[in-house]
PDB file of N, CA and C in Angstrom:
ATOM      1  N   MET A   1     -87.532  41.124  32.025  1.00  0.00           N
ATOM      2  CA  MET A   1     -87.269  42.102  31.011  1.00  0.00           C
ATOM      3  C   MET A   1     -88.438  43.097  30.974  1.00  0.00           C
ATOM      4  N   ALA A   2     -88.127  44.387  30.949  1.00  0.00           N
ATOM      5  CA  ALA A   2     -89.144  45.438  30.896  1.00  0.00           C
ATOM      6  C   ALA A   2     -89.148  46.077  29.514  1.00  0.00           C
ATOM      7  N   PHE A   3     -90.321  46.551  29.111  1.00  0.00           N
ATOM      8  CA  PHE A   3     -90.483  47.188  27.808  1.00  0.00           C
ATOM      9  C   PHE A   3     -91.152  48.541  28.017  1.00  0.00           C
ATOM     10  N   THR A   4     -90.549  49.608  27.473  1.00  0.00           N
ATOM     11  CA  THR A   4     -91.116  50.953  27.537  1.00  0.00           C
ATOM     12  C   THR A   4     -91.306  51.454  26.119  1.00  0.00           C
ATOM     13  N   GLU A   5     -92.463  52.037  25.855  1.00  0.00           N
ATOM     14  CA  GLU A   5     -92.710  52.645  24.543  1.00  0.00           C
ATOM     15  C   GLU A   5     -93.133  54.090  24.737  1.00  0.00           C
ATOM     16  N   ILE A   6     -92.453  54.993  24.047  1.00  0.00           N
ATOM     17  CA  ILE A   6     -92.768  56.418  24.066  1.00  0.00           C
ATOM     18  C   ILE A   6     -93.297  56.757  22.676  1.00  0.00           C
ATOM     19  N   THR A   7     -94.554  57.199  22.582  1.00  0.00           N
ATOM     20  CA  THR A   7     -95.113  57.564  21.284  1.00  0.00           C
ATOM     21  C   THR A   7     -95.166  59.083  21.161  1.00  0.00           C
ATOM     22  N   PHE A   8     -95.135  59.557  19.918  1.00  0.00           N
ATOM     23  CA  PHE A   8     -95.127  60.997  19.702  1.00  0.00           C
ATOM     24  C   PHE A   8     -95.718  61.335  18.336  1.00  0.00           C
ATOM     25  N   SER A   9     -96.157  62.573  18.207  1.00  0.00           N
ATOM     26  CA  SER A   9     -96.605  63.149  16.941  1.00  0.00           C
ATOM     27  C   SER A   9     -96.285  64.632  17.021  1.00  0.00           C
ATOM     28  N   GLN A  10     -95.538  65.134  16.051  1.00  0.00           N
ATOM     29  CA  GLN A  10     -95.094  66.524  16.109  1.00  0.00           C
ATOM     30  C   GLN A  10     -94.970  67.103  14.709  1.00  0.00           C
ATOM     31  N   ALA A  11     -95.492  68.317  14.511  1.00  0.00           N
ATOM     32  CA  ALA A  11     -95.239  69.072  13.285  1.00  0.00           C
ATOM     33  C   ALA A  11     -93.864  69.719  13.465  1.00  0.00           C
ATOM     34  N   VAL A  12     -92.863  69.152  12.831  1.00  0.00           N
ATOM     35  CA  VAL A  12     -91.468  69.546  13.047  1.00  0.00           C
ATOM     36  C   VAL A  12     -91.105  70.696  12.113  1.00  0.00           C
ATOM     37  N   ASP A  13     -90.514  71.746  12.699  1.00  0.00           N
ATOM     38  CA  ASP A  13     -89.993  72.857  11.913  1.00  0.00           C
ATOM     39  C   ASP A  13     -88.493  72.966  12.181  1.00  0.00           C
ATOM     40  N   THR A  14     -87.930  74.141  12.105  1.00  0.00           N
ATOM     41  CA  THR A  14     -86.479  74.292  12.252  1.00  0.00           C
ATOM     42  C   THR A  14     -86.001  74.262  13.701  1.00  0.00           C
ATOM     43  N   THR A  15     -86.911  74.083  14.665  1.00  0.00           N
ATOM     44  CA  THR A  15     -86.524  73.914  16.065  1.00  0.00           C
ATOM     45  C   THR A  15     -86.257  72.439  16.319  1.00  0.00           C
ATOM     46  N   GLU A  16     -85.109  72.103  16.908  1.00  0.00           N
ATOM     47  CA  GLU A  16     -84.819  70.714  17.242  1.00  0.00           C
ATOM     48  C   GLU A  16     -85.793  70.262  18.327  1.00  0.00           C
ATOM     49  N   TRP A  17     -86.464  69.133  18.094  1.00  0.00           N
ATOM     50  CA  TRP A  17     -87.548  68.683  18.954  1.00  0.00           C
ATOM     51  C   TRP A  17     -87.250  67.316  19.537  1.00  0.00           C
ATOM     52  N   SER A  18     -87.411  67.151  20.850  1.00  0.00           N
ATOM     53  CA  SER A  18     -87.185  65.883  21.524  1.00  0.00           C
ATOM     54  C   SER A  18     -88.403  64.982  21.342  1.00  0.00           C
ATOM     55  N   CYS A  19     -88.197  63.818  20.757  1.00  0.00           N
ATOM     56  CA  CYS A  19     -89.268  62.829  20.626  1.00  0.00           C
ATOM     57  C   CYS A  19     -89.552  62.175  21.969  1.00  0.00           C
ATOM     58  N   VAL A  20     -88.596  62.205  22.891  1.00  0.00           N
ATOM     59  CA  VAL A  20     -88.733  61.544  24.194  1.00  0.00           C
ATOM     60  C   VAL A  20     -89.560  62.391  25.160  1.00  0.00           C
ATOM     61  N   THR A  21     -89.292  63.700  25.222  1.00  0.00           N
ATOM     62  CA  THR A  21     -89.974  64.563  26.193  1.00  0.00           C
ATOM     63  C   THR A  21     -91.033  65.468  25.583  1.00  0.00           C
ATOM     64  N   ASP A  22     -91.158  65.477  24.247  1.00  0.00           N
ATOM     65  CA  ASP A  22     -92.131  66.311  23.545  1.00  0.00           C
ATOM     66  C   ASP A  22     -91.940  67.786  23.878  1.00  0.00           C
ATOM     67  N   THR A  23     -90.673  68.212  23.905  1.00  0.00           N
ATOM     68  CA  THR A  23     -90.310  69.609  24.130  1.00  0.00           C
ATOM     69  C   THR A  23     -89.139  69.944  23.222  1.00  0.00           C
ATOM     70  N   ALA A  24     -88.777  71.231  23.159  1.00  0.00           N
ATOM     71  CA  ALA A  24     -87.565  71.602  22.434  1.00  0.00           C
ATOM     72  C   ALA A  24     -86.396  70.867  23.075  1.00  0.00           C
ATOM     73  N   GLY A  25     -85.503  70.322  22.274  1.00  0.00           N
ATOM     74  CA  GLY A  25     -84.419  69.489  22.807  1.00  0.00           C
ATOM     75  C   GLY A  25     -83.076  69.945  22.299  1.00  0.00           C
ATOM     76  N   PRO A  26     -82.057  69.155  22.514  1.00  0.00           N
ATOM     77  CA  PRO A  26     -82.131  67.823  23.114  1.00  0.00           C
ATOM     78  C   PRO A  26     -82.239  67.871  24.638  1.00  0.00           C
ATOM     79  N   ASP A  27     -82.851  66.806  25.171  1.00  0.00           N
ATOM     80  CA  ASP A  27     -82.943  66.612  26.608  1.00  0.00           C
ATOM     81  C   ASP A  27     -82.040  65.444  26.998  1.00  0.00           C
ATOM     82  N   ALA A  28     -82.003  65.083  28.261  1.00  0.00           N
ATOM     83  CA  ALA A  28     -81.120  64.007  28.722  1.00  0.00           C
ATOM     84  C   ALA A  28     -81.901  63.019  29.581  1.00  0.00           C
ATOM     85  N   GLU A  29     -82.529  62.042  28.935  1.00  0.00           N
ATOM     86  CA  GLU A  29     -83.301  61.012  29.631  1.00  0.00           C
ATOM     87  C   GLU A  29     -82.337  60.016  30.271  1.00  0.00           C
ATOM     88  N   SER A  30     -82.486  59.790  31.577  1.00  0.00           N
ATOM     89  CA  SER A  30     -81.619  58.818  32.250  1.00  0.00           C
ATOM     90  C   SER A  30     -82.402  57.853  33.141  1.00  0.00           C
ATOM     91  N   THR A  31     -83.730  57.986  33.187  1.00  0.00           N
ATOM     92  CA  THR A  31     -84.514  57.062  34.013  1.00  0.00           C
ATOM     93  C   THR A  31     -84.954  55.835  33.221  1.00  0.00           C
ATOM     94  N   ILE A  32     -84.948  55.934  31.889  1.00  0.00           N
ATOM     95  CA  ILE A  32     -85.283  54.798  31.023  1.00  0.00           C
ATOM     96  C   ILE A  32     -83.979  54.337  30.379  1.00  0.00           C
ATOM     97  N   THR A  33     -83.557  53.116  30.685  1.00  0.00           N
ATOM     98  CA  THR A  33     -82.283  52.623  30.157  1.00  0.00           C
ATOM     99  C   THR A  33     -82.492  51.268  29.490  1.00  0.00           C
ATOM    100  N   GLY A  34     -81.626  50.949  28.551  1.00  0.00           N
ATOM    101  CA  GLY A  34     -81.670  49.657  27.865  1.00  0.00           C
ATOM    102  C   GLY A  34     -81.424  49.825  26.381  1.00  0.00           C
ATOM    103  N   TRP A  35     -81.840  48.819  25.617  1.00  0.00           N
ATOM    104  CA  TRP A  35     -81.691  48.865  24.165  1.00  0.00           C
ATOM    105  C   TRP A  35     -82.836  49.674  23.583  1.00  0.00           C
ATOM    106  N   MET A  36     -82.489  50.797  22.928  1.00  0.00           N
ATOM    107  CA  MET A  36     -83.463  51.723  22.364  1.00  0.00           C
ATOM    108  C   MET A  36     -83.459  51.581  20.845  1.00  0.00           C
ATOM    109  N   GLN A  37     -84.667  51.626  20.266  1.00  0.00           N
ATOM    110  CA  GLN A  37     -84.793  51.659  18.816  1.00  0.00           C
ATOM    111  C   GLN A  37     -85.955  52.588  18.480  1.00  0.00           C
ATOM    112  N   GLY A  38     -85.767  53.426  17.464  1.00  0.00           N
ATOM    113  CA  GLY A  38     -86.795  54.372  17.056  1.00  0.00           C
ATOM    114  C   GLY A  38     -87.474  53.936  15.776  1.00  0.00           C
ATOM    115  N   HIS A  39     -88.784  54.140  15.730  1.00  0.00           N
ATOM    116  CA  HIS A  39     -89.605  53.805  14.565  1.00  0.00           C
ATOM    117  C   HIS A  39     -90.367  55.070  14.185  1.00  0.00           C
ATOM    118  N   LEU A  40     -90.062  55.655  13.022  1.00  0.00           N
ATOM    119  CA  LEU A  40     -90.642  56.935  12.633  1.00  0.00           C
ATOM    120  C   LEU A  40     -91.426  56.810  11.340  1.00  0.00           C
ATOM    121  N   ASN A  41     -92.601  57.448  11.309  1.00  0.00           N
ATOM    122  CA  ASN A  41     -93.407  57.533  10.097  1.00  0.00           C
ATOM    123  C   ASN A  41     -93.116  58.889   9.466  1.00  0.00           C
ATOM    124  N   LEU A  42     -92.486  58.878   8.291  1.00  0.00           N
ATOM    125  CA  LEU A  42     -92.106  60.114   7.599  1.00  0.00           C
ATOM    126  C   LEU A  42     -92.921  60.309   6.329  1.00  0.00           C
ATOM    127  N   SER A  43     -94.094  59.680   6.257  1.00  0.00           N
ATOM    128  CA  SER A  43     -94.891  59.720   5.029  1.00  0.00           C
ATOM    129  C   SER A  43     -95.428  61.113   4.704  1.00  0.00           C
ATOM    130  N   ASP A  44     -95.337  62.062   5.620  1.00  0.00           N
ATOM    131  CA  ASP A  44     -95.765  63.437   5.365  1.00  0.00           C
ATOM    132  C   ASP A  44     -94.749  64.215   4.527  1.00  0.00           C
ATOM    133  N   MET A  45     -93.559  63.671   4.345  1.00  0.00           N
ATOM    134  CA  MET A  45     -92.517  64.391   3.604  1.00  0.00           C
ATOM    135  C   MET A  45     -92.860  64.464   2.110  1.00  0.00           C
ATOM    136  N   VAL A  46     -92.591  65.625   1.518  1.00  0.00           N
ATOM    137  CA  VAL A  46     -92.825  65.854   0.095  1.00  0.00           C
ATOM    138  C   VAL A  46     -91.508  66.289  -0.553  1.00  0.00           C
ATOM    139  N   ALA A  47     -91.539  66.482  -1.864  1.00  0.00           N
ATOM    140  CA  ALA A  47     -90.345  66.915  -2.591  1.00  0.00           C
ATOM    141  C   ALA A  47     -89.740  68.141  -1.917  1.00  0.00           C
ATOM    142  N   ASP A  48     -88.433  68.171  -1.813  1.00  0.00           N
ATOM    143  CA  ASP A  48     -87.642  69.265  -1.227  1.00  0.00           C
ATOM    144  C   ASP A  48     -87.669  69.312   0.295  1.00  0.00           C
ATOM    145  N   ASP A  49     -88.456  68.468   0.977  1.00  0.00           N
ATOM    146  CA  ASP A  49     -88.378  68.390   2.438  1.00  0.00           C
ATOM    147  C   ASP A  49     -87.089  67.676   2.829  1.00  0.00           C
ATOM    148  N   GLU A  50     -86.457  68.143   3.907  1.00  0.00           N
ATOM    149  CA  GLU A  50     -85.305  67.449   4.484  1.00  0.00           C
ATOM    150  C   GLU A  50     -85.466  67.465   5.997  1.00  0.00           C
ATOM    151  N   LEU A  51     -85.315  66.293   6.593  1.00  0.00           N
ATOM    152  CA  LEU A  51     -85.461  66.131   8.031  1.00  0.00           C
ATOM    153  C   LEU A  51     -84.136  65.666   8.610  1.00  0.00           C
ATOM    154  N   GLN A  52     -83.785  66.179   9.767  1.00  0.00           N
ATOM    155  CA  GLN A  52     -82.595  65.700  10.485  1.00  0.00           C
ATOM    156  C   GLN A  52     -83.056  64.920  11.707  1.00  0.00           C
ATOM    157  N   ILE A  53     -82.582  63.675  11.828  1.00  0.00           N
ATOM    158  CA  ILE A  53     -82.894  62.801  12.957  1.00  0.00           C
ATOM    159  C   ILE A  53     -81.586  62.548  13.692  1.00  0.00           C
ATOM    160  N   THR A  54     -81.559  62.807  15.011  1.00  0.00           N
ATOM    161  CA  THR A  54     -80.321  62.671  15.769  1.00  0.00           C
ATOM    162  C   THR A  54     -80.586  61.892  17.053  1.00  0.00           C
ATOM    163  N   VAL A  55     -79.653  60.991  17.388  1.00  0.00           N
ATOM    164  CA  VAL A  55     -79.677  60.296  18.671  1.00  0.00           C
ATOM    165  C   VAL A  55     -78.462  60.778  19.458  1.00  0.00           C
ATOM    166  N   TYR A  56     -78.702  61.263  20.673  1.00  0.00           N
ATOM    167  CA  TYR A  56     -77.655  61.718  21.581  1.00  0.00           C
ATOM    168  C   TYR A  56     -77.546  60.749  22.760  1.00  0.00           C
ATOM    169  N   GLU A  57     -76.358  60.632  23.320  1.00  0.00           N
ATOM    170  CA  GLU A  57     -76.144  59.859  24.548  1.00  0.00           C
ATOM    171  C   GLU A  57     -74.859  60.369  25.187  1.00  0.00           C
ATOM    172  N   LYS A  58     -74.773  60.225  26.500  1.00  0.00           N
ATOM    173  CA  LYS A  58     -73.542  60.552  27.222  1.00  0.00           C
ATOM    174  C   LYS A  58     -72.710  59.283  27.337  1.00  0.00           C
ATOM    175  N   VAL A  59     -71.437  59.355  26.994  1.00  0.00           N
ATOM    176  CA  VAL A  59     -70.551  58.197  27.107  1.00  0.00           C
ATOM    177  C   VAL A  59     -70.402  57.802  28.567  1.00  0.00           C
ATOM    178  N   VAL A  60     -70.257  58.806  29.431  1.00  0.00           N
ATOM    179  CA  VAL A  60     -70.146  58.606  30.876  1.00  0.00           C
ATOM    180  C   VAL A  60     -71.106  59.601  31.539  1.00  0.00           C
ATOM    181  N   ALA A  61     -71.818  59.161  32.561  1.00  0.00           N
ATOM    182  CA  ALA A  61     -72.718  60.060  33.288  1.00  0.00           C
ATOM    183  C   ALA A  61     -71.955  61.293  33.734  1.00  0.00           C
ATOM    184  N   GLY A  62     -72.568  62.459  33.596  1.00  0.00           N
ATOM    185  CA  GLY A  62     -71.932  63.700  34.014  1.00  0.00           C
ATOM    186  C   GLY A  62     -71.183  64.401  32.894  1.00  0.00           C
ATOM    187  N   GLU A  63     -70.924  63.697  31.793  1.00  0.00           N
ATOM    188  CA  GLU A  63     -70.269  64.333  30.648  1.00  0.00           C
ATOM    189  C   GLU A  63     -71.316  64.923  29.710  1.00  0.00           C
ATOM    190  N   ALA A  64     -70.853  65.623  28.687  1.00  0.00           N
ATOM    191  CA  ALA A  64     -71.749  66.195  27.689  1.00  0.00           C
ATOM    192  C   ALA A  64     -72.285  65.102  26.766  1.00  0.00           C
ATOM    193  N   GLN A  65     -73.474  65.332  26.238  1.00  0.00           N
ATOM    194  CA  GLN A  65     -74.022  64.407  25.250  1.00  0.00           C
ATOM    195  C   GLN A  65     -73.222  64.492  23.954  1.00  0.00           C
ATOM    196  N   LEU A  66     -73.105  63.346  23.303  1.00  0.00           N
ATOM    197  CA  LEU A  66     -72.461  63.268  21.990  1.00  0.00           C
ATOM    198  C   LEU A  66     -73.454  62.699  20.994  1.00  0.00           C
ATOM    199  N   ILE A  67     -73.223  62.945  19.731  1.00  0.00           N
ATOM    200  CA  ILE A  67     -74.073  62.382  18.688  1.00  0.00           C
ATOM    201  C   ILE A  67     -73.651  60.932  18.457  1.00  0.00           C
ATOM    202  N   TYR A  68     -74.604  60.023  18.605  1.00  0.00           N
ATOM    203  CA  TYR A  68     -74.367  58.599  18.360  1.00  0.00           C
ATOM    204  C   TYR A  68     -74.844  58.200  16.971  1.00  0.00           C
ATOM    205  N   PHE A  69     -75.859  58.889  16.459  1.00  0.00           N
ATOM    206  CA  PHE A  69     -76.443  58.561  15.158  1.00  0.00           C
ATOM    207  C   PHE A  69     -77.085  59.812  14.597  1.00  0.00           C
ATOM    208  N   ARG A  70     -76.943  60.015  13.275  1.00  0.00           N
ATOM    209  CA  ARG A  70     -77.633  61.128  12.613  1.00  0.00           C
ATOM    210  C   ARG A  70     -77.959  60.703  11.191  1.00  0.00           C
ATOM    211  N   ALA A  71     -79.162  61.060  10.757  1.00  0.00           N
ATOM    212  CA  ALA A  71     -79.588  60.784   9.386  1.00  0.00           C
ATOM    213  C   ALA A  71     -80.369  61.979   8.871  1.00  0.00           C
ATOM    214  N   ASN A  72     -80.353  62.182   7.556  1.00  0.00           N
ATOM    215  CA  ASN A  72     -81.053  63.294   6.925  1.00  0.00           C
ATOM    216  C   ASN A  72     -81.873  62.799   5.736  1.00  0.00           C
ATOM    217  N   PRO A  73     -83.048  62.191   5.983  1.00  0.00           N
ATOM    218  CA  PRO A  73     -83.902  61.784   4.877  1.00  0.00           C
ATOM    219  C   PRO A  73     -84.361  63.002   4.069  1.00  0.00           C
ATOM    220  N   VAL A  74     -84.466  62.837   2.758  1.00  0.00           N
ATOM    221  CA  VAL A  74     -84.843  63.922   1.855  1.00  0.00           C
ATOM    222  C   VAL A  74     -85.979  63.448   0.953  1.00  0.00           C
ATOM    223  N   GLY A  75     -86.960  64.327   0.723  1.00  0.00           N
ATOM    224  CA  GLY A  75     -88.041  64.039  -0.216  1.00  0.00           C
ATOM    225  C   GLY A  75     -89.050  63.033   0.303  1.00  0.00           C
ATOM    226  N   PRO A  76     -89.975  62.631  -0.571  1.00  0.00           N
ATOM    227  CA  PRO A  76     -91.050  61.715  -0.157  1.00  0.00           C
ATOM    228  C   PRO A  76     -90.496  60.402   0.394  1.00  0.00           C
ATOM    229  N   GLN A  77     -91.124  59.910   1.456  1.00  0.00           N
ATOM    230  CA  GLN A  77     -90.713  58.659   2.099  1.00  0.00           C
ATOM    231  C   GLN A  77     -91.909  57.704   2.100  1.00  0.00           C
ATOM    232  N   SER A  78     -91.697  56.513   1.562  1.00  0.00           N
ATOM    233  CA  SER A  78     -92.800  55.554   1.473  1.00  0.00           C
ATOM    234  C   SER A  78     -92.663  54.406   2.468  1.00  0.00           C
ATOM    235  N   ARG A  79     -91.558  54.394   3.252  1.00  0.00           N
ATOM    236  CA  ARG A  79     -91.362  53.339   4.241  1.00  0.00           C
ATOM    237  C   ARG A  79     -91.130  53.968   5.605  1.00  0.00           C
ATOM    238  N   ALA A  80     -91.287  53.158   6.635  1.00  0.00           N
ATOM    239  CA  ALA A  80     -90.968  53.616   7.985  1.00  0.00           C
ATOM    240  C   ALA A  80     -89.453  53.819   8.088  1.00  0.00           C
ATOM    241  N   PHE A  81     -89.035  54.779   8.904  1.00  0.00           N
ATOM    242  CA  PHE A  81     -87.610  55.005   9.155  1.00  0.00           C
ATOM    243  C   PHE A  81     -87.263  54.330  10.468  1.00  0.00           C
ATOM    244  N   LEU A  82     -86.239  53.499  10.455  1.00  0.00           N
ATOM    245  CA  LEU A  82     -85.846  52.732  11.636  1.00  0.00           C
ATOM    246  C   LEU A  82     -84.490  53.214  12.137  1.00  0.00           C
ATOM    247  N   ILE A  83     -84.455  53.689  13.378  1.00  0.00           N
ATOM    248  CA  ILE A  83     -83.189  54.050  14.019  1.00  0.00           C
ATOM    249  C   ILE A  83     -82.587  52.760  14.567  1.00  0.00           C
ATOM    250  N   PRO A  84     -81.315  52.485  14.281  1.00  0.00           N
ATOM    251  CA  PRO A  84     -80.725  51.230  14.760  1.00  0.00           C
ATOM    252  C   PRO A  84     -80.718  51.144  16.287  1.00  0.00           C
ATOM    253  N   ALA A  85     -80.728  49.920  16.797  1.00  0.00           N
ATOM    254  CA  ALA A  85     -80.721  49.698  18.248  1.00  0.00           C
ATOM    255  C   ALA A  85     -79.423  50.227  18.853  1.00  0.00           C
ATOM    256  N   ILE A  86     -79.564  51.024  19.901  1.00  0.00           N
ATOM    257  CA  ILE A  86     -78.429  51.620  20.614  1.00  0.00           C
ATOM    258  C   ILE A  86     -78.686  51.433  22.107  1.00  0.00           C
ATOM    259  N   TYR A  87     -77.676  51.002  22.858  1.00  0.00           N
ATOM    260  CA  TYR A  87     -77.836  50.872  24.301  1.00  0.00           C
ATOM    261  C   TYR A  87     -77.725  52.259  24.920  1.00  0.00           C
ATOM    262  N   VAL A  88     -78.754  52.687  25.650  1.00  0.00           N
ATOM    263  CA  VAL A  88     -78.787  54.027  26.236  1.00  0.00           C
ATOM    264  C   VAL A  88     -78.909  53.923  27.750  1.00  0.00           C
ATOM    265  N   LYS A  89     -78.258  54.870  28.438  1.00  0.00           N
ATOM    266  CA  LYS A  89     -78.265  54.816  29.896  1.00  0.00           C
ATOM    267  C   LYS A  89     -78.022  56.163  30.559  1.00  0.00           C
ATOM    268  N   ASN A  90     -77.019  56.906  30.128  1.00  0.00           N
ATOM    269  CA  ASN A  90     -76.474  58.019  30.905  1.00  0.00           C
ATOM    270  C   ASN A  90     -77.082  59.391  30.638  1.00  0.00           C
ATOM    271  N   GLY A  91     -77.977  59.499  29.691  1.00  0.00           N
ATOM    272  CA  GLY A  91     -78.556  60.803  29.347  1.00  0.00           C
ATOM    273  C   GLY A  91     -78.730  60.891  27.850  1.00  0.00           C
ATOM    274  N   TRP A  92     -79.795  60.309  27.340  1.00  0.00           N
ATOM    275  CA  TRP A  92     -79.977  60.149  25.905  1.00  0.00           C
ATOM    276  C   TRP A  92     -81.214  60.882  25.409  1.00  0.00           C
ATOM    277  N   ASP A  93     -81.286  61.071  24.100  1.00  0.00           N
ATOM    278  CA  ASP A  93     -82.458  61.669  23.476  1.00  0.00           C
ATOM    279  C   ASP A  93     -82.470  61.322  21.995  1.00  0.00           C
ATOM    280  N   VAL A  94     -83.654  61.376  21.418  1.00  0.00           N
ATOM    281  CA  VAL A  94     -83.858  61.270  19.974  1.00  0.00           C
ATOM    282  C   VAL A  94     -84.550  62.562  19.570  1.00  0.00           C
ATOM    283  N   THR A  95     -83.967  63.289  18.602  1.00  0.00           N
ATOM    284  CA  THR A  95     -84.547  64.558  18.183  1.00  0.00           C
ATOM    285  C   THR A  95     -84.802  64.567  16.685  1.00  0.00           C
ATOM    286  N   THR A  96     -85.734  65.438  16.287  1.00  0.00           N
ATOM    287  CA  THR A  96     -85.981  65.698  14.874  1.00  0.00           C
ATOM    288  C   THR A  96     -85.946  67.201  14.654  1.00  0.00           C
ATOM    289  N   LYS A  97     -85.551  67.590  13.456  1.00  0.00           N
ATOM    290  CA  LYS A  97     -85.517  69.001  13.081  1.00  0.00           C
ATOM    291  C   LYS A  97     -85.670  69.074  11.571  1.00  0.00           C
ATOM    292  N   ALA A  98     -86.549  69.935  11.101  1.00  0.00           N
ATOM    293  CA  ALA A  98     -86.700  70.116   9.656  1.00  0.00           C
ATOM    294  C   ALA A  98     -85.613  71.059   9.152  1.00  0.00           C
ATOM    295  N   ILE A  99     -84.867  70.601   8.181  1.00  0.00           N
ATOM    296  CA  ILE A  99     -83.889  71.473   7.515  1.00  0.00           C
ATOM    297  C   ILE A  99     -84.640  72.330   6.498  1.00  0.00           C
ATOM    298  N   THR A 100     -85.579  71.719   5.767  1.00  0.00           N
ATOM    299  CA  THR A 100     -86.492  72.445   4.881  1.00  0.00           C
ATOM    300  C   THR A 100     -87.884  71.851   5.027  1.00  0.00           C
ATOM    301  N   GLY A 101     -88.891  72.713   5.000  1.00  0.00           N
ATOM    302  CA  GLY A 101     -90.273  72.270   5.110  1.00  0.00           C
ATOM    303  C   GLY A 101     -90.738  72.206   6.555  1.00  0.00           C
ATOM    304  N   THR A 102     -92.006  71.876   6.712  1.00  0.00           N
ATOM    305  CA  THR A 102     -92.596  71.549   8.012  1.00  0.00           C
ATOM    306  C   THR A 102     -93.178  70.168   7.856  1.00  0.00           C
ATOM    307  N   ILE A 103     -92.729  69.235   8.673  1.00  0.00           N
ATOM    308  CA  ILE A 103     -93.013  67.818   8.477  1.00  0.00           C
ATOM    309  C   ILE A 103     -93.653  67.251   9.731  1.00  0.00           C
ATOM    310  N   THR A 104     -94.820  66.642   9.576  1.00  0.00           N
ATOM    311  CA  THR A 104     -95.434  65.966  10.712  1.00  0.00           C
ATOM    312  C   THR A 104     -94.814  64.582  10.833  1.00  0.00           C
ATOM    313  N   VAL A 105     -94.176  64.342  11.965  1.00  0.00           N
ATOM    314  CA  VAL A 105     -93.510  63.070  12.237  1.00  0.00           C
ATOM    315  C   VAL A 105     -94.256  62.382  13.370  1.00  0.00           C
ATOM    316  N   THR A 106     -94.641  61.143  13.150  1.00  0.00           N
ATOM    317  CA  THR A 106     -95.227  60.334  14.212  1.00  0.00           C
ATOM    318  C   THR A 106     -94.318  59.122  14.402  1.00  0.00           C
ATOM    319  N   GLY A 107     -94.380  58.546  15.581  1.00  0.00           N
ATOM    320  CA  GLY A 107     -93.556  57.360  15.792  1.00  0.00           C
ATOM    321  C   GLY A 107     -93.529  56.903  17.206  1.00  0.00           C
ATOM    322  N   SER A 108     -92.586  55.990  17.462  1.00  0.00           N
ATOM    323  CA  SER A 108     -92.409  55.474  18.814  1.00  0.00           C
ATOM    324  C   SER A 108     -90.931  55.176  19.050  1.00  0.00           C
ATOM    325  N   ILE A 109     -90.543  55.402  20.276  1.00  0.00           N
ATOM    326  CA  ILE A 109     -89.217  55.024  20.759  1.00  0.00           C
ATOM    327  C   ILE A 109     -89.453  53.830  21.681  1.00  0.00           C
ATOM    328  N   ARG A 110     -88.822  52.706  21.397  1.00  0.00           N
ATOM    329  CA  ARG A 110     -89.048  51.484  22.152  1.00  0.00           C
ATOM    330  C   ARG A 110     -87.749  51.085  22.864  1.00  0.00           C
ATOM    331  N   VAL A 111     -87.869  50.839  24.158  1.00  0.00           N
ATOM    332  CA  VAL A 111     -86.700  50.511  24.967  1.00  0.00           C
ATOM    333  C   VAL A 111     -86.967  49.192  25.704  1.00  0.00           C
ATOM    334  N   VAL A 112     -86.033  48.266  25.576  1.00  0.00           N
ATOM    335  CA  VAL A 112     -86.099  46.997  26.295  1.00  0.00           C
ATOM    336  C   VAL A 112     -84.971  47.011  27.319  1.00  0.00           C
ATOM    337  N   SER A 113     -85.326  46.785  28.593  1.00  0.00           N
ATOM    338  CA  SER A 113     -84.282  46.789  29.642  1.00  0.00           C
ATOM    339  C   SER A 113     -84.350  45.520  30.465  1.00  0.00           C
TER     340      SER A 113
END
């Protein structure tokens, strides 16, 4: 069994940002496959901040990415945000985008294959 961890820190604004490639996203990661789970620190969020967290994956290689998971935390966050485990393979990404505010998000994407 192999374990991959991708860590990131980003001041997120209204541009959708890939946590996997640290660039504007979404991107399509296909070299890292397995059970993926995201762990995000959202403690920088304050009143009226809203963040959009999205997980994309391709159902079949060569097709377009679809949204597998999306959440929109709002306001101050005192706990870590956990993205549920999703099996990824064909072209996946985890992105963040601020709906309101500028939010520094740190975290890790962990994949077991």
